[in-house]
Amino acid sequence: MGGDEGVRVMMAGVALARRRHDGLRFILFGDETQIKAALDNHPNLRAASEVVHSDSVVDGSDKPSAAVRKKGSSMSMAIAAVKSGDAGAAVSAGNTGALMAMAKVALRTMPGIDRPALAAMLPTLGDNDVVMLDLGANTECDARNLVQFAVMGAAYARIACDLDRPRVRLMNIGTEELKGTDEIRDAAAILRAADALPLSFEGFTEGDKIGRGDVDVIVCDGFSGNVALKTAEGTARFVTDLLRRAFTSSLRSKIGFLISKPAMHLLKHHLDPNNHNGAVFLGLNGVVIKSHGGATDKGVANAVHVAARLLEEDITRRIAADMAGIEALSAPSKQELSAK
């Protein structure tokens, strides 16, 4: 019920995802009348779906604290289904803050994880997209949080990008070891010592390098990550609008556009946020995916695909195993304890 374009686009997206993953089944929470009307256009999806009616919907303007208290909302029912095991994952295009608050209260964080993080895939010039986290769930983070984000982001990148040892870097104001806050430098020191983990820590990166493709996971606090994400999105829109204006400024420009049309289509495809839709709340005892509210049916389908991949590859088990490695690294040895 959370998509900007309404139930019709959400159901069209789920139907697309069903074609890609024909073994999936869906529980659809929300207004039963609207959902069933939309399902009439997708008979194959209707046969693989169960509709659960909800009178209550979390609005985009609801504060997280108010949304958590809104009993019986479609969003809370979806998360409850994950908690009970009736569903493997929850996908929502609704209020991000409310979704995070509800998921954290209902599912709790995994052992060894202090805070969940919001991670997403961003386009790059390289062979793979880059995983970036946190993108807004935690405005302030200490070194321990950043290390946990690195471990979770690397586990996600191994699944999403099919990598054995993802290249991980911390977002910083410079690449020199002395740059940045104490928290960033302390996190870097811990990650440099974690040679046994299935990741390759490569130090720091700066904001202008996000799209270069020379790193697989970028780690930062939620404040910096959200600002960087919104800046990147705004820059992409600026470039496409500027090109559109330039190509329509004269007859010669219009002819030039016709010649370069294939390249323009490639650029549009690469920058289309629907091709990268589906942010993940990592660190919870369950899989919760946030779809962009303005996503098209293709974007919704991609968010469902992300959920399916994480379930197939058992993301929670992978994170738990990697966190055990970090905890073992940071635990004091017997000699240290006896010396104390």
Protein backbone atom coordinates (compact mmCIF):
# COMPACT_ATOMS: atom_id res chain seq x y z
CA MET A 1 0.00 0.00 0.00
CA GLY A 2 3.03 2.31 0.16
CA GLY A 3 3.91 2.93 -3.47
CA ASP A 4 3.39 6.45 -4.86
CA GLU A 5 1.59 5.02 -7.90
CA GLY A 6 -0.77 2.84 -5.89
CA VAL A 7 -1.61 -0.83 -5.71
CA ARG A 8 -1.75 -1.29 -9.49
CA VAL A 9 1.98 -0.65 -9.99
CA MET A 10 2.93 -2.68 -6.92
CA MET A 11 0.99 -5.71 -8.22
CA ALA A 12 2.42 -5.29 -11.73
CA GLY A 13 5.91 -5.32 -10.20
CA VAL A 14 5.21 -8.43 -8.15
CA ALA A 15 3.85 -10.12 -11.27
CA LEU A 16 7.11 -9.34 -13.10
CA ALA A 17 9.11 -10.78 -10.21
CA ARG A 18 6.96 -13.92 -10.27
CA ARG A 19 8.00 -14.54 -13.88
CA ARG A 20 11.66 -14.35 -12.86
CA HIS A 21 11.21 -16.48 -9.74
CA ASP A 22 8.38 -18.87 -10.56
CA GLY A 23 8.79 -20.71 -7.26
CA LEU A 24 7.93 -17.69 -5.11
CA ARG A 25 4.62 -17.28 -3.33
CA PHE A 26 3.32 -13.98 -1.99
CA ILE A 27 1.24 -12.74 0.94
CA LEU A 28 -0.24 -9.38 -0.01
CA PHE A 29 -1.19 -7.14 2.93
CA GLY A 30 -3.49 -4.16 2.47
CA ASP A 31 -6.90 -3.16 1.19
CA GLU A 32 -8.42 -6.41 -0.05
CA THR A 33 -10.73 -4.77 -2.59
CA GLN A 34 -7.94 -2.82 -4.28
CA ILE A 35 -5.53 -5.73 -4.27
CA LYS A 36 -7.99 -8.22 -5.74
CA ALA A 37 -9.00 -5.74 -8.43
CA ALA A 38 -5.34 -5.34 -9.42
CA LEU A 39 -4.80 -9.11 -9.36
CA ASP A 40 -7.50 -9.55 -12.01
CA ASN A 41 -4.91 -8.33 -14.52
CA HIS A 42 -2.35 -10.93 -13.37
CA PRO A 43 -3.96 -14.40 -13.21
CA ASN A 44 -0.60 -16.17 -12.81
CA LEU A 45 0.20 -14.04 -9.76
CA ARG A 46 -3.27 -14.51 -8.31
CA ALA A 47 -2.74 -18.28 -8.23
CA ALA A 48 0.48 -17.81 -6.23
CA SER A 49 -0.82 -15.20 -3.79
CA GLU A 50 -2.74 -14.90 -0.55
CA VAL A 51 -4.48 -11.61 0.25
CA VAL A 52 -4.66 -10.50 3.88
CA HIS A 53 -6.91 -7.51 4.48
CA SER A 54 -5.83 -4.53 6.57
CA ASP A 55 -7.93 -1.47 7.35
CA SER A 56 -4.91 0.50 8.53
CA VAL A 57 -2.07 1.91 6.41
CA VAL A 58 1.09 3.74 7.52
CA ASP A 59 1.15 7.14 5.83
CA GLY A 60 4.28 8.76 4.47
CA SER A 61 3.87 11.59 6.96
CA ASP A 62 3.60 9.30 10.02
CA LYS A 63 6.44 9.60 12.50
CA PRO A 64 8.11 6.24 13.28
CA SER A 65 6.95 6.39 16.91
CA ALA A 66 3.35 6.89 15.79
CA ALA A 67 3.57 4.23 13.10
CA VAL A 68 4.77 1.61 15.59
CA ARG A 69 1.65 2.26 17.68
CA LYS A 70 -0.66 1.94 14.67
CA LYS A 71 -1.98 -1.56 15.29
CA GLY A 72 -2.93 -3.82 12.43
CA SER A 73 -1.33 -1.77 9.66
CA SER A 74 -0.39 -3.54 6.44
CA MET A 75 3.28 -2.76 7.12
CA SER A 76 3.28 -4.18 10.65
CA MET A 77 1.42 -7.29 9.48
CA ALA A 78 4.03 -7.93 6.77
CA ILE A 79 6.89 -7.67 9.28
CA ALA A 80 5.00 -9.86 11.76
CA ALA A 81 4.74 -12.52 9.04
CA VAL A 82 8.55 -12.55 8.79
CA LYS A 83 8.88 -12.83 12.56
CA SER A 84 6.46 -15.76 12.73
CA GLY A 85 8.08 -17.54 9.80
CA ASP A 86 4.99 -17.31 7.62
CA ALA A 87 7.04 -15.21 5.17
CA GLY A 88 10.73 -15.34 4.34
CA ALA A 89 11.04 -11.61 3.64
CA ALA A 90 9.03 -8.39 3.68
CA VAL A 91 9.11 -5.87 0.82
CA SER A 92 7.57 -2.43 1.31
CA ALA A 93 7.52 0.84 -0.62
CA GLY A 94 6.16 2.73 2.38
CA ASN A 95 7.53 5.13 4.98
CA THR A 96 11.26 4.33 5.43
CA GLY A 97 11.56 5.49 9.04
CA ALA A 98 8.43 3.60 10.06
CA LEU A 99 9.61 0.45 8.30
CA MET A 100 12.96 0.58 10.07
CA ALA A 101 11.39 1.23 13.48
CA MET A 102 8.84 -1.57 13.12
CA ALA A 103 11.39 -4.04 11.80
CA LYS A 104 13.86 -3.28 14.58
CA VAL A 105 11.21 -3.64 17.31
CA ALA A 106 9.69 -6.83 15.90
CA LEU A 107 12.73 -8.67 14.54
CA ARG A 108 15.51 -7.32 16.78
CA THR A 109 19.14 -7.14 15.72
CA MET A 110 21.27 -10.22 15.20
CA PRO A 111 23.76 -11.31 17.89
CA GLY A 112 26.85 -9.14 17.70
CA ILE A 113 25.06 -6.35 15.79
CA ASP A 114 24.36 -3.14 17.70
CA ARG A 115 22.36 -1.37 14.98
CA PRO A 116 20.86 -2.36 11.65
CA ALA A 117 22.03 -0.45 8.59
CA LEU A 118 20.33 0.53 5.35
CA ALA A 119 22.32 -0.68 2.33
CA ALA A 120 21.72 -0.18 -1.39
CA MET A 121 23.41 -0.81 -4.73
CA LEU A 122 24.64 2.24 -6.66
CA PRO A 123 25.75 2.27 -10.33
CA THR A 124 29.44 2.58 -11.19
CA LEU A 125 31.76 2.67 -14.20
CA GLY A 126 33.13 -0.73 -13.19
CA ASP A 127 31.92 -4.26 -13.83
CA ASN A 128 29.77 -4.29 -10.68
CA ASP A 129 27.57 -1.88 -8.77
CA VAL A 130 28.83 -0.71 -5.38
CA VAL A 131 27.16 -1.55 -2.06
CA MET A 132 26.91 1.54 0.15
CA LEU A 133 25.82 1.68 3.79
CA ASP A 134 24.58 3.20 6.03
CA LEU A 135 22.23 5.37 3.99
CA GLY A 136 20.26 7.02 6.77
CA ALA A 137 19.33 4.60 9.53
CA ASN A 138 22.04 5.81 11.96
CA THR A 139 23.10 9.45 11.89
CA GLU A 140 25.96 8.96 14.36
CA CYS A 141 28.21 5.87 14.49
CA ASP A 142 31.21 4.77 16.50
CA ALA A 143 34.07 2.57 15.28
CA ARG A 144 32.30 -0.63 16.33
CA ASN A 145 29.23 0.31 14.28
CA LEU A 146 31.35 1.04 11.20
CA VAL A 147 33.14 -2.30 11.49
CA GLN A 148 29.82 -4.12 11.75
CA PHE A 149 28.53 -2.25 8.70
CA ALA A 150 31.65 -3.30 6.78
CA VAL A 151 31.10 -6.96 7.66
CA MET A 152 27.42 -6.82 6.72
CA GLY A 153 28.07 -4.89 3.50
CA ALA A 154 30.72 -7.38 2.42
CA ALA A 155 28.34 -10.30 3.04
CA TYR A 156 25.73 -8.56 0.90
CA ALA A 157 28.25 -7.82 -1.88
CA ARG A 158 29.35 -11.46 -1.99
CA ILE A 159 25.75 -12.38 -2.81
CA ALA A 160 24.67 -9.46 -5.00
CA CYS A 161 27.90 -9.17 -7.00
CA ASP A 162 29.09 -12.80 -6.77
CA LEU A 163 32.42 -11.85 -5.19
CA ASP A 164 34.68 -13.95 -2.98
CA ARG A 165 36.46 -11.07 -1.22
CA PRO A 166 34.73 -7.73 -1.80
CA ARG A 167 36.93 -4.63 -1.69
CA VAL A 168 35.84 -2.50 1.27
CA ARG A 169 36.66 1.13 1.99
CA LEU A 170 35.53 3.65 4.59
CA MET A 171 34.16 7.00 3.40
CA ASN A 172 36.47 9.79 4.54
CA ILE A 173 37.55 13.34 3.73
CA GLY A 174 40.83 12.03 2.35
CA THR A 175 42.68 8.80 1.61
CA GLU A 176 45.63 9.42 3.95
CA GLU A 177 45.70 7.31 7.13
CA LEU A 178 45.77 10.38 9.39
CA LYS A 179 42.60 11.89 7.87
CA GLY A 180 39.13 11.66 9.41
CA THR A 181 37.57 11.32 12.83
CA ASP A 182 38.79 9.05 15.61
CA GLU A 183 35.88 6.70 14.92
CA ILE A 184 36.83 6.27 11.26
CA ARG A 185 40.52 5.74 12.00
CA ASP A 186 39.77 3.26 14.80
CA ALA A 187 37.42 1.30 12.52
CA ALA A 188 40.14 1.21 9.86
CA ALA A 189 42.64 -0.21 12.34
CA ILE A 190 40.25 -3.04 13.30
CA LEU A 191 39.47 -3.89 9.68
CA ARG A 192 43.15 -3.90 8.68
CA ALA A 193 43.76 -6.55 11.34
CA ALA A 194 40.83 -8.71 10.23
CA ASP A 195 42.72 -10.68 7.59
CA ALA A 196 40.68 -13.85 8.16
CA LEU A 197 37.40 -12.25 7.10
CA PRO A 198 36.10 -12.79 3.54
CA LEU A 199 36.74 -9.17 2.57
CA SER A 200 39.64 -7.03 1.45
CA PHE A 201 39.93 -3.77 3.36
CA GLU A 202 41.58 -1.12 1.18
CA GLY A 203 41.52 1.96 3.42
CA PHE A 204 39.61 5.15 2.68
CA THR A 205 37.71 6.61 -0.26
CA GLU A 206 36.23 10.04 -0.95
CA GLY A 207 32.79 11.09 -2.13
CA ASP A 208 33.87 11.80 -5.69
CA LYS A 209 35.06 8.20 -6.09
CA ILE A 210 31.71 6.51 -5.34
CA GLY A 211 30.95 5.80 -8.99
CA ARG A 212 34.45 4.94 -10.20
CA GLY A 213 34.02 1.18 -9.80
CA ASP A 214 37.30 0.60 -7.93
CA VAL A 215 35.60 -0.54 -4.70
CA ASP A 216 32.78 -2.98 -3.93
CA VAL A 217 31.57 -1.74 -0.52
CA ILE A 218 31.60 1.82 0.84
CA VAL A 219 30.97 2.25 4.57
CA CYS A 220 29.94 5.44 6.35
CA ASP A 221 27.59 6.78 9.01
CA GLY A 222 23.97 7.28 8.03
CA PHE A 223 24.18 11.07 7.91
CA SER A 224 27.08 11.12 5.46
CA GLY A 225 25.63 8.24 3.45
CA ASN A 226 22.24 9.85 3.03
CA VAL A 227 23.77 13.16 1.95
CA ALA A 228 26.05 11.36 -0.54
CA LEU A 229 23.15 9.32 -1.94
CA LYS A 230 20.89 12.34 -2.42
CA THR A 231 23.77 14.28 -4.00
CA ALA A 232 24.46 11.45 -6.45
CA GLU A 233 20.77 11.19 -7.36
CA GLY A 234 20.53 14.95 -7.86
CA THR A 235 23.67 14.99 -10.01
CA ALA A 236 22.27 12.21 -12.21
CA ARG A 237 19.05 14.18 -12.74
CA PHE A 238 21.05 17.34 -13.40
CA VAL A 239 23.13 15.64 -16.09
CA THR A 240 20.13 14.08 -17.86
CA ASP A 241 18.14 17.35 -17.73
CA LEU A 242 21.14 19.31 -19.00
CA LEU A 243 21.60 16.91 -21.92
CA ARG A 244 17.89 17.06 -22.74
CA ARG A 245 18.03 20.86 -22.79
CA ALA A 246 21.18 20.87 -24.92
CA PHE A 247 19.76 18.43 -27.47
CA THR A 248 16.61 20.50 -27.97
CA SER A 249 18.29 23.91 -28.19
CA SER A 250 18.62 23.98 -32.00
CA LEU A 251 18.00 22.01 -35.17
CA ARG A 252 21.65 20.97 -35.29
CA SER A 253 21.40 19.73 -31.71
CA LYS A 254 18.29 17.71 -32.55
CA ILE A 255 20.11 16.06 -35.43
CA GLY A 256 23.00 15.33 -33.08
CA PHE A 257 20.55 13.72 -30.66
CA LEU A 258 19.28 11.36 -33.37
CA ILE A 259 22.85 10.29 -34.12
CA SER A 260 23.68 9.75 -30.43
CA LYS A 261 20.32 8.22 -29.48
CA PRO A 262 21.71 4.68 -28.81
CA ALA A 263 24.31 6.12 -26.44
CA MET A 264 21.65 8.21 -24.70
CA HIS A 265 19.49 5.13 -24.17
CA LEU A 266 22.49 3.35 -22.63
CA LEU A 267 23.10 6.29 -20.29
CA LYS A 268 19.42 6.40 -19.29
CA HIS A 269 19.41 2.67 -18.55
CA HIS A 270 22.57 2.92 -16.45
CA LEU A 271 21.24 5.82 -14.37
CA ASP A 272 17.66 4.50 -14.04
CA PRO A 273 17.08 4.02 -10.28
CA ASN A 274 14.59 1.24 -11.00
CA ASN A 275 17.48 -0.97 -12.11
CA HIS A 276 19.03 -0.60 -8.65
CA ASN A 277 15.86 -0.51 -6.55
CA GLY A 278 15.66 -2.46 -3.32
CA ALA A 279 17.54 -1.20 -0.25
CA VAL A 280 18.19 -3.74 2.51
CA PHE A 281 17.97 -3.41 6.29
CA LEU A 282 21.04 -5.47 7.21
CA GLY A 283 21.61 -6.82 10.71
CA LEU A 284 18.05 -7.89 11.59
CA ASN A 285 16.79 -11.38 12.39
CA GLY A 286 14.93 -11.43 9.10
CA VAL A 287 15.03 -9.95 5.62
CA VAL A 288 13.31 -6.58 5.07
CA ILE A 289 13.59 -4.73 1.76
CA LYS A 290 12.71 -1.07 1.16
CA SER A 291 11.48 -0.26 -2.33
CA HIS A 292 11.53 3.36 -3.48
CA GLY A 293 8.06 4.88 -3.23
CA GLY A 294 8.28 6.18 -6.80
CA ALA A 295 9.47 2.89 -8.29
CA THR A 296 7.88 1.60 -11.48
CA ASP A 297 6.74 -2.00 -11.90
CA LYS A 298 10.28 -2.82 -13.04
CA GLY A 299 11.69 -1.24 -9.87
CA VAL A 300 9.28 -3.16 -7.63
CA ALA A 301 10.23 -6.39 -9.41
CA ASN A 302 13.90 -5.65 -8.74
CA ALA A 303 13.20 -5.12 -5.02
CA VAL A 304 11.48 -8.52 -4.87
CA HIS A 305 14.43 -10.03 -6.75
CA VAL A 306 16.81 -8.65 -4.11
CA ALA A 307 14.70 -10.29 -1.39
CA ALA A 308 14.70 -13.61 -3.24
CA ARG A 309 18.49 -13.60 -3.70
CA LEU A 310 19.12 -12.82 -0.04
CA LEU A 311 16.85 -15.67 1.02
CA GLU A 312 18.40 -18.11 -1.44
CA GLU A 313 21.92 -17.26 -0.23
CA ASP A 314 20.95 -17.11 3.49
CA ILE A 315 22.26 -13.61 4.19
CA THR A 316 21.61 -13.79 7.95
CA ARG A 317 23.75 -16.92 8.32
CA ARG A 318 26.59 -15.32 6.37
CA ILE A 319 26.55 -12.19 8.50
CA ALA A 320 26.41 -14.24 11.71
CA ALA A 321 29.46 -16.28 10.67
CA ASP A 322 31.46 -13.19 9.74
CA MET A 323 30.50 -11.39 12.94
CA ALA A 324 31.74 -14.39 14.93
CA GLY A 325 35.10 -13.87 13.23
CA ILE A 326 35.19 -10.21 14.23
CA GLU A 327 34.19 -11.00 17.82
CA ALA A 328 36.95 -13.61 18.04
CA LEU A 329 39.45 -11.09 16.75
CA SER A 330 38.49 -8.45 19.31
CA ALA A 331 38.12 -10.84 22.28
CA PRO A 332 41.03 -10.72 24.76
CA SER A 333 43.28 -13.77 24.81
CA LYS A 334 43.77 -15.97 27.89
CA GLN A 335 47.19 -14.43 28.43
CA GLU A 336 45.68 -10.92 28.38
CA LEU A 337 42.98 -11.94 30.85
CA SER A 338 45.47 -13.54 33.26
CA ALA A 339 47.68 -10.48 33.03
CA LYS A 340 44.72 -8.37 34.11
